[in-house]
């Protein structure tokens, strides 16, 4: 009985650790914004293994906007795969070609079940305008041995909030006026929270 209880505890702990490890990936993907039109994925075929029908790609992200993107938030989502005719579904069955591929080494899946990969962070905390990220390697194994196919990615991530202006910062740091301070002191005195002596001391410059 004690042994069974110990096994249950071990299994339960392992499941909890597994959930804690993967939940942040799913939550992170759900909280990211679609950066289509602002950032683009550039795909380069690096190698092809004819025996296993495995293709290796290097994918980088380029910031085409004037905004800053948080570098360690960027992911690329494998949105679809098209054949040589530009179609993303099989002619006979209508099944998505993406479902016919084996995606190797993905970092997680989006809510709609599409695989995603995290973009490596460089030395800069942000992907600045007109700059390009480090490449991530994407491995796709073609189960049907289709001669030519093209993967398409969309970019998701977080925008960096613009820094507050100096005027706004100086306004926030401006101390309250003497009239406001005196009014507050009188209110505290009226409510009996301070004594007349304390109120006089607080009114001193």
C-alpha atoms as a PDB file:
ATOM      1  CA  UNK A   1       0.000   0.000   0.000  1.00  0.00           C
ATOM      2  CA  UNK A   2       2.811   2.379   0.949  1.00  0.00           C
ATOM      3  CA  UNK A   3       4.648   1.514  -2.264  1.00  0.00           C
ATOM      4  CA  UNK A   4       1.570   2.268  -4.375  1.00  0.00           C
ATOM      5  CA  UNK A   5       1.130   5.596  -2.595  1.00  0.00           C
ATOM      6  CA  UNK A   6       4.778   6.481  -3.297  1.00  0.00           C
ATOM      7  CA  UNK A   7       4.347   5.659  -6.983  1.00  0.00           C
ATOM      8  CA  UNK A   8       1.269   7.880  -7.167  1.00  0.00           C
ATOM      9  CA  UNK A   9       3.182  10.738  -5.551  1.00  0.00           C
ATOM     10  CA  UNK A  10       6.082  10.362  -7.998  1.00  0.00           C
ATOM     11  CA  UNK A  11       3.778  10.213 -11.035  1.00  0.00           C
ATOM     12  CA  UNK A  12       1.755  13.167  -9.807  1.00  0.00           C
ATOM     13  CA  UNK A  13       4.898  15.238  -9.242  1.00  0.00           C
ATOM     14  CA  UNK A  14       6.215  14.367 -12.705  1.00  0.00           C
ATOM     15  CA  UNK A  15       2.912  15.432 -14.319  1.00  0.00           C
ATOM     16  CA  UNK A  16       2.988  18.706 -12.396  1.00  0.00           C
ATOM     17  CA  UNK A  17       6.538  19.456 -13.487  1.00  0.00           C
ATOM     18  CA  UNK A  18       5.638  18.601 -17.089  1.00  0.00           C
ATOM     19  CA  UNK A  19       2.669  20.962 -17.002  1.00  0.00           C
ATOM     20  CA  UNK A  20       4.741  23.744 -15.456  1.00  0.00           C
ATOM     21  CA  UNK A  21       7.400  23.315 -18.133  1.00  0.00           C
ATOM     22  CA  UNK A  22       5.047  23.571 -21.119  1.00  0.00           C
ATOM     23  CA  UNK A  23       2.284  25.873 -19.893  1.00  0.00           C
ATOM     24  CA  UNK A  24       4.468  29.013 -20.175  1.00  0.00           C
ATOM     25  CA  UNK A  25       5.116  28.188 -23.853  1.00  0.00           C
ATOM     26  CA  UNK A  26       1.417  27.938 -24.632  1.00  0.00           C
ATOM     27  CA  UNK A  27       0.564  30.996 -22.550  1.00  0.00           C
ATOM     28  CA  UNK A  28       3.373  32.994 -24.122  1.00  0.00           C
ATOM     29  CA  UNK A  29       2.199  32.191 -27.637  1.00  0.00           C
ATOM     30  CA  UNK A  30      -1.385  33.115 -26.774  1.00  0.00           C
ATOM     31  CA  UNK A  31      -0.329  36.524 -25.422  1.00  0.00           C
ATOM     32  CA  UNK A  32       1.728  37.560 -28.451  1.00  0.00           C
ATOM     33  CA  UNK A  33       0.562  39.906 -31.198  1.00  0.00           C
ATOM     34  CA  UNK A  34       0.547  39.038 -34.890  1.00  0.00           C
ATOM     35  CA  UNK A  35       3.260  41.222 -36.451  1.00  0.00           C
ATOM     36  CA  UNK A  36       2.226  40.622 -40.066  1.00  0.00           C
ATOM     37  CA  UNK A  37       3.033  43.675 -42.175  1.00  0.00           C
ATOM     38  CA  UNK A  38       5.533  44.888 -39.572  1.00  0.00           C
ATOM     39  CA  UNK A  39       7.958  41.951 -39.417  1.00  0.00           C
ATOM     40  CA  UNK A  40       8.692  39.339 -42.067  1.00  0.00           C
ATOM     41  CA  UNK A  41      10.227  35.862 -41.968  1.00  0.00           C
ATOM     42  CA  UNK A  42      13.005  35.109 -44.464  1.00  0.00           C
ATOM     43  CA  UNK A  43      13.478  31.423 -45.267  1.00  0.00           C
ATOM     44  CA  UNK A  44      16.709  29.891 -46.591  1.00  0.00           C
ATOM     45  CA  UNK A  45      17.012  26.205 -47.500  1.00  0.00           C
ATOM     46  CA  UNK A  46      20.260  24.938 -45.954  1.00  0.00           C
ATOM     47  CA  UNK A  47      20.222  21.208 -46.643  1.00  0.00           C
ATOM     48  CA  UNK A  48      18.127  18.337 -47.947  1.00  0.00           C
ATOM     49  CA  UNK A  49      18.396  14.671 -47.042  1.00  0.00           C
ATOM     50  CA  UNK A  50      16.907  12.659 -49.902  1.00  0.00           C
ATOM     51  CA  UNK A  51      17.001   9.401 -47.940  1.00  0.00           C
ATOM     52  CA  UNK A  52      14.826  10.652 -45.075  1.00  0.00           C
ATOM     53  CA  UNK A  53      13.183  13.449 -47.109  1.00  0.00           C
ATOM     54  CA  UNK A  54      14.199  15.932 -44.429  1.00  0.00           C
ATOM     55  CA  UNK A  55      14.698  19.606 -45.211  1.00  0.00           C
ATOM     56  CA  UNK A  56      16.586  22.084 -43.024  1.00  0.00           C
ATOM     57  CA  UNK A  57      15.847  25.780 -43.200  1.00  0.00           C
ATOM     58  CA  UNK A  58      17.330  28.854 -41.565  1.00  0.00           C
ATOM     59  CA  UNK A  59      14.610  31.378 -40.775  1.00  0.00           C
ATOM     60  CA  UNK A  60      15.303  34.953 -39.706  1.00  0.00           C
ATOM     61  CA  UNK A  61      12.950  37.793 -38.798  1.00  0.00           C
ATOM     62  CA  UNK A  62      13.332  41.281 -40.231  1.00  0.00           C
ATOM     63  CA  UNK A  63      11.736  44.317 -38.601  1.00  0.00           C
ATOM     64  CA  UNK A  64      10.210  46.349 -41.438  1.00  0.00           C
ATOM     65  CA  UNK A  65       8.538  48.894 -39.151  1.00  0.00           C
ATOM     66  CA  UNK A  66       9.633  51.917 -37.129  1.00  0.00           C
ATOM     67  CA  UNK A  67       8.722  50.138 -33.881  1.00  0.00           C
ATOM     68  CA  UNK A  68      10.808  48.130 -31.436  1.00  0.00           C
ATOM     69  CA  UNK A  69      10.012  44.464 -30.818  1.00  0.00           C
ATOM     70  CA  UNK A  70      11.051  42.620 -27.657  1.00  0.00           C
ATOM     71  CA  UNK A  71      13.729  40.242 -28.937  1.00  0.00           C
ATOM     72  CA  UNK A  72      13.099  37.320 -26.597  1.00  0.00           C
ATOM     73  CA  UNK A  73       9.361  37.362 -27.341  1.00  0.00           C
ATOM     74  CA  UNK A  74       9.647  36.700 -31.080  1.00  0.00           C
ATOM     75  CA  UNK A  75       8.406  33.428 -32.533  1.00  0.00           C
ATOM     76  CA  UNK A  76       7.734  32.191 -36.045  1.00  0.00           C
ATOM     77  CA  UNK A  77       4.599  30.147 -36.660  1.00  0.00           C
ATOM     78  CA  UNK A  78       4.587  27.583 -39.467  1.00  0.00           C
ATOM     79  CA  UNK A  79       1.355  28.805 -41.016  1.00  0.00           C
ATOM     80  CA  UNK A  80       1.081  26.609 -44.105  1.00  0.00           C
ATOM     81  CA  UNK A  81       2.974  24.551 -46.660  1.00  0.00           C
ATOM     82  CA  UNK A  82       2.327  24.899 -50.388  1.00  0.00           C
ATOM     83  CA  UNK A  83       3.224  22.608 -53.281  1.00  0.00           C
ATOM     84  CA  UNK A  84       4.771  23.590 -56.595  1.00  0.00           C
ATOM     85  CA  UNK A  85       1.361  24.749 -57.815  1.00  0.00           C
ATOM     86  CA  UNK A  86       0.921  27.114 -54.864  1.00  0.00           C
ATOM     87  CA  UNK A  87      -1.774  24.938 -53.257  1.00  0.00           C
ATOM     88  CA  UNK A  88      -1.778  24.218 -49.532  1.00  0.00           C
ATOM     89  CA  UNK A  89      -4.179  21.252 -49.655  1.00  0.00           C
ATOM     90  CA  UNK A  90      -4.242  17.891 -51.388  1.00  0.00           C
ATOM     91  CA  UNK A  91      -6.389  17.792 -54.511  1.00  0.00           C
ATOM     92  CA  UNK A  92      -8.219  14.536 -53.740  1.00  0.00           C
ATOM     93  CA  UNK A  93      -8.785  14.660 -49.984  1.00  0.00           C
ATOM     94  CA  UNK A  94      -8.569  18.391 -49.300  1.00  0.00           C
ATOM     95  CA  UNK A  95      -6.277  17.670 -46.351  1.00  0.00           C
ATOM     96  CA  UNK A  96      -3.834  20.388 -45.364  1.00  0.00           C
ATOM     97  CA  UNK A  97      -0.312  19.670 -46.638  1.00  0.00           C
ATOM     98  CA  UNK A  98       0.966  20.881 -43.269  1.00  0.00           C
ATOM     99  CA  UNK A  99      -0.671  17.878 -41.630  1.00  0.00           C
ATOM    100  CA  UNK A 100       1.309  15.578 -43.916  1.00  0.00           C
ATOM    101  CA  UNK A 101       4.644  16.918 -42.674  1.00  0.00           C
ATOM    102  CA  UNK A 102       6.630  15.932 -39.594  1.00  0.00           C
ATOM    103  CA  UNK A 103       7.921  19.043 -37.838  1.00  0.00           C
ATOM    104  CA  UNK A 104      11.045  18.313 -35.808  1.00  0.00           C
ATOM    105  CA  UNK A 105      12.245  20.271 -32.778  1.00  0.00           C
ATOM    106  CA  UNK A 106       9.419  22.770 -32.525  1.00  0.00           C
ATOM    107  CA  UNK A 107       9.147  24.813 -29.322  1.00  0.00           C
ATOM    108  CA  UNK A 108       5.381  24.488 -29.011  1.00  0.00           C
ATOM    109  CA  UNK A 109       2.069  24.884 -30.775  1.00  0.00           C
ATOM    110  CA  UNK A 110      -0.378  27.754 -31.046  1.00  0.00           C
ATOM    111  CA  UNK A 111      -3.990  27.521 -29.898  1.00  0.00           C
ATOM    112  CA  UNK A 112      -5.003  26.441 -33.410  1.00  0.00           C
ATOM    113  CA  UNK A 113      -2.406  23.655 -33.392  1.00  0.00           C
ATOM    114  CA  UNK A 114       0.275  25.203 -35.608  1.00  0.00           C
ATOM    115  CA  UNK A 115       3.923  24.592 -34.671  1.00  0.00           C
ATOM    116  CA  UNK A 116       6.084  27.521 -33.651  1.00  0.00           C
ATOM    117  CA  UNK A 117       9.794  28.159 -33.089  1.00  0.00           C
ATOM    118  CA  UNK A 118      11.445  30.719 -30.843  1.00  0.00           C
ATOM    119  CA  UNK A 119      13.812  33.210 -32.455  1.00  0.00           C
ATOM    120  CA  UNK A 120      17.215  33.287 -30.697  1.00  0.00           C
ATOM    121  CA  UNK A 121      17.929  36.538 -28.893  1.00  0.00           C
ATOM    122  CA  UNK A 122      21.049  38.405 -29.938  1.00  0.00           C
ATOM    123  CA  UNK A 123      23.031  40.912 -27.908  1.00  0.00           C
ATOM    124  CA  UNK A 124      20.321  43.569 -28.224  1.00  0.00           C
ATOM    125  CA  UNK A 125      17.189  43.268 -26.042  1.00  0.00           C
ATOM    126  CA  UNK A 126      15.102  44.613 -28.944  1.00  0.00           C
ATOM    127  CA  UNK A 127      14.778  43.943 -32.648  1.00  0.00           C
ATOM    128  CA  UNK A 128      15.258  47.486 -33.892  1.00  0.00           C
ATOM    129  CA  UNK A 129      13.813  48.985 -37.113  1.00  0.00           C
ATOM    130  CA  UNK A 130      15.344  47.615 -40.329  1.00  0.00           C
ATOM    131  CA  UNK A 131      17.369  45.014 -38.429  1.00  0.00           C
ATOM    132  CA  UNK A 132      17.371  41.235 -38.755  1.00  0.00           C
ATOM    133  CA  UNK A 133      17.355  38.572 -36.053  1.00  0.00           C
ATOM    134  CA  UNK A 134      19.613  35.583 -35.592  1.00  0.00           C
ATOM    135  CA  UNK A 135      18.450  32.506 -37.546  1.00  0.00           C
ATOM    136  CA  UNK A 136      16.517  29.604 -36.081  1.00  0.00           C
ATOM    137  CA  UNK A 137      16.824  26.164 -37.662  1.00  0.00           C
ATOM    138  CA  UNK A 138      13.573  24.545 -38.791  1.00  0.00           C
ATOM    139  CA  UNK A 139      13.535  20.858 -39.752  1.00  0.00           C
ATOM    140  CA  UNK A 140      10.654  19.482 -41.810  1.00  0.00           C
ATOM    141  CA  UNK A 141      10.343  15.834 -42.794  1.00  0.00           C
ATOM    142  CA  UNK A 142       8.139  15.185 -45.806  1.00  0.00           C
ATOM    143  CA  UNK A 143       6.199  11.955 -45.309  1.00  0.00           C
ATOM    144  CA  UNK A 144       4.846  11.910 -48.868  1.00  0.00           C
ATOM    145  CA  UNK A 145       8.177  12.639 -50.561  1.00  0.00           C
ATOM    146  CA  UNK A 146       6.690  15.520 -52.553  1.00  0.00           C
ATOM    147  CA  UNK A 147       9.445  16.867 -54.788  1.00  0.00           C
ATOM    148  CA  UNK A 148       8.951  20.580 -54.086  1.00  0.00           C
ATOM    149  CA  UNK A 149       7.163  22.327 -51.235  1.00  0.00           C
ATOM    150  CA  UNK A 150       7.430  25.754 -49.632  1.00  0.00           C
ATOM    151  CA  UNK A 151       6.936  26.545 -45.923  1.00  0.00           C
ATOM    152  CA  UNK A 152       5.330  29.881 -45.015  1.00  0.00           C
ATOM    153  CA  UNK A 153       5.761  31.525 -41.630  1.00  0.00           C
ATOM    154  CA  UNK A 154       4.128  34.397 -39.793  1.00  0.00           C
ATOM    155  CA  UNK A 155       5.851  36.361 -37.059  1.00  0.00           C
ATOM    156  CA  UNK A 156       4.438  36.957 -33.589  1.00  0.00           C
ATOM    157  CA  UNK A 157       5.881  38.902 -30.687  1.00  0.00           C
ATOM    158  CA  UNK A 158       5.556  41.841 -28.329  1.00  0.00           C
ATOM    159  CA  UNK A 159       6.056  45.509 -29.108  1.00  0.00           C
ATOM    160  CA  UNK A 160       8.280  47.546 -26.837  1.00  0.00           C
ATOM    161  CA  UNK A 161       6.375  50.406 -25.213  1.00  0.00           C
ATOM    162  CA  UNK A 162       7.869  53.784 -26.187  1.00  0.00           C
ATOM    163  CA  UNK A 163       9.774  55.549 -23.387  1.00  0.00           C
ATOM    164  CA  UNK A 164       7.914  58.268 -21.499  1.00  0.00           C
ATOM    165  CA  UNK A 165       8.701  61.808 -22.582  1.00  0.00           C
ATOM    166  CA  UNK A 166      10.832  64.006 -20.341  1.00  0.00           C
ATOM    167  CA  UNK A 167       7.971  66.489 -19.954  1.00  0.00           C
ATOM    168  CA  UNK A 168       5.680  63.772 -18.629  1.00  0.00           C
ATOM    169  CA  UNK A 169       8.364  62.545 -16.252  1.00  0.00           C
ATOM    170  CA  UNK A 170       9.051  66.052 -14.917  1.00  0.00           C
ATOM    171  CA  UNK A 171       5.329  66.690 -14.466  1.00  0.00           C
ATOM    172  CA  UNK A 172       4.976  63.487 -12.474  1.00  0.00           C
ATOM    173  CA  UNK A 173       7.920  64.471 -10.282  1.00  0.00           C
ATOM    174  CA  UNK A 174       6.600  67.980  -9.510  1.00  0.00           C
ATOM    175  CA  UNK A 175       5.856  68.255  -5.775  1.00  0.00           C
ATOM    176  CA  UNK A 176       2.361  69.312  -4.711  1.00  0.00           C
ATOM    177  CA  UNK A 177       1.710  73.045  -4.201  1.00  0.00           C
ATOM    178  CA  UNK A 178       1.584  74.642  -0.741  1.00  0.00           C
ATOM    179  CA  UNK A 179      -2.133  75.257  -1.124  1.00  0.00           C
ATOM    180  CA  UNK A 180      -2.730  71.556  -1.758  1.00  0.00           C
ATOM    181  CA  UNK A 181      -0.568  70.634   1.226  1.00  0.00           C
ATOM    182  CA  UNK A 182      -2.389  73.063   3.544  1.00  0.00           C
ATOM    183  CA  UNK A 183      -5.750  71.724   2.390  1.00  0.00           C
ATOM    184  CA  UNK A 184      -4.650  68.165   3.149  1.00  0.00           C
ATOM    185  CA  UNK A 185      -3.369  69.198   6.609  1.00  0.00           C
ATOM    186  CA  UNK A 186      -6.684  70.883   7.425  1.00  0.00           C
ATOM    187  CA  UNK A 187      -8.571  67.775   6.356  1.00  0.00           C
ATOM    188  CA  UNK A 188      -6.414  65.542   8.574  1.00  0.00           C
ATOM    189  CA  UNK A 189      -6.876  67.977  11.470  1.00  0.00           C
ATOM    190  CA  UNK A 190     -10.644  68.059  10.982  1.00  0.00           C
ATOM    191  CA  UNK A 191     -10.843  64.260  11.043  1.00  0.00           C
ATOM    192  CA  UNK A 192      -8.774  64.173  14.223  1.00  0.00           C
ATOM    193  CA  UNK A 193      -5.945  62.240  12.627  1.00  0.00           C
ATOM    194  CA  UNK A 194      -3.347  64.825  13.728  1.00  0.00           C
ATOM    195  CA  UNK A 195      -3.149  67.316  16.594  1.00  0.00           C
ATOM    196  CA  UNK A 196      -3.047  71.135  16.168  1.00  0.00           C
ATOM    197  CA  UNK A 197       0.624  71.053  17.157  1.00  0.00           C
ATOM    198  CA  UNK A 198       1.376  68.462  14.459  1.00  0.00           C
ATOM    199  CA  UNK A 199      -0.580  70.482  11.921  1.00  0.00           C
ATOM    200  CA  UNK A 200       1.441  73.585  12.748  1.00  0.00           C
ATOM    201  CA  UNK A 201       4.668  71.631  12.427  1.00  0.00           C
ATOM    202  CA  UNK A 202       3.641  70.251   9.040  1.00  0.00           C
ATOM    203  CA  UNK A 203       2.732  73.727   7.789  1.00  0.00           C
ATOM    204  CA  UNK A 204       6.233  74.991   8.408  1.00  0.00           C
ATOM    205  CA  UNK A 205       8.283  75.395   5.195  1.00  0.00           C
END
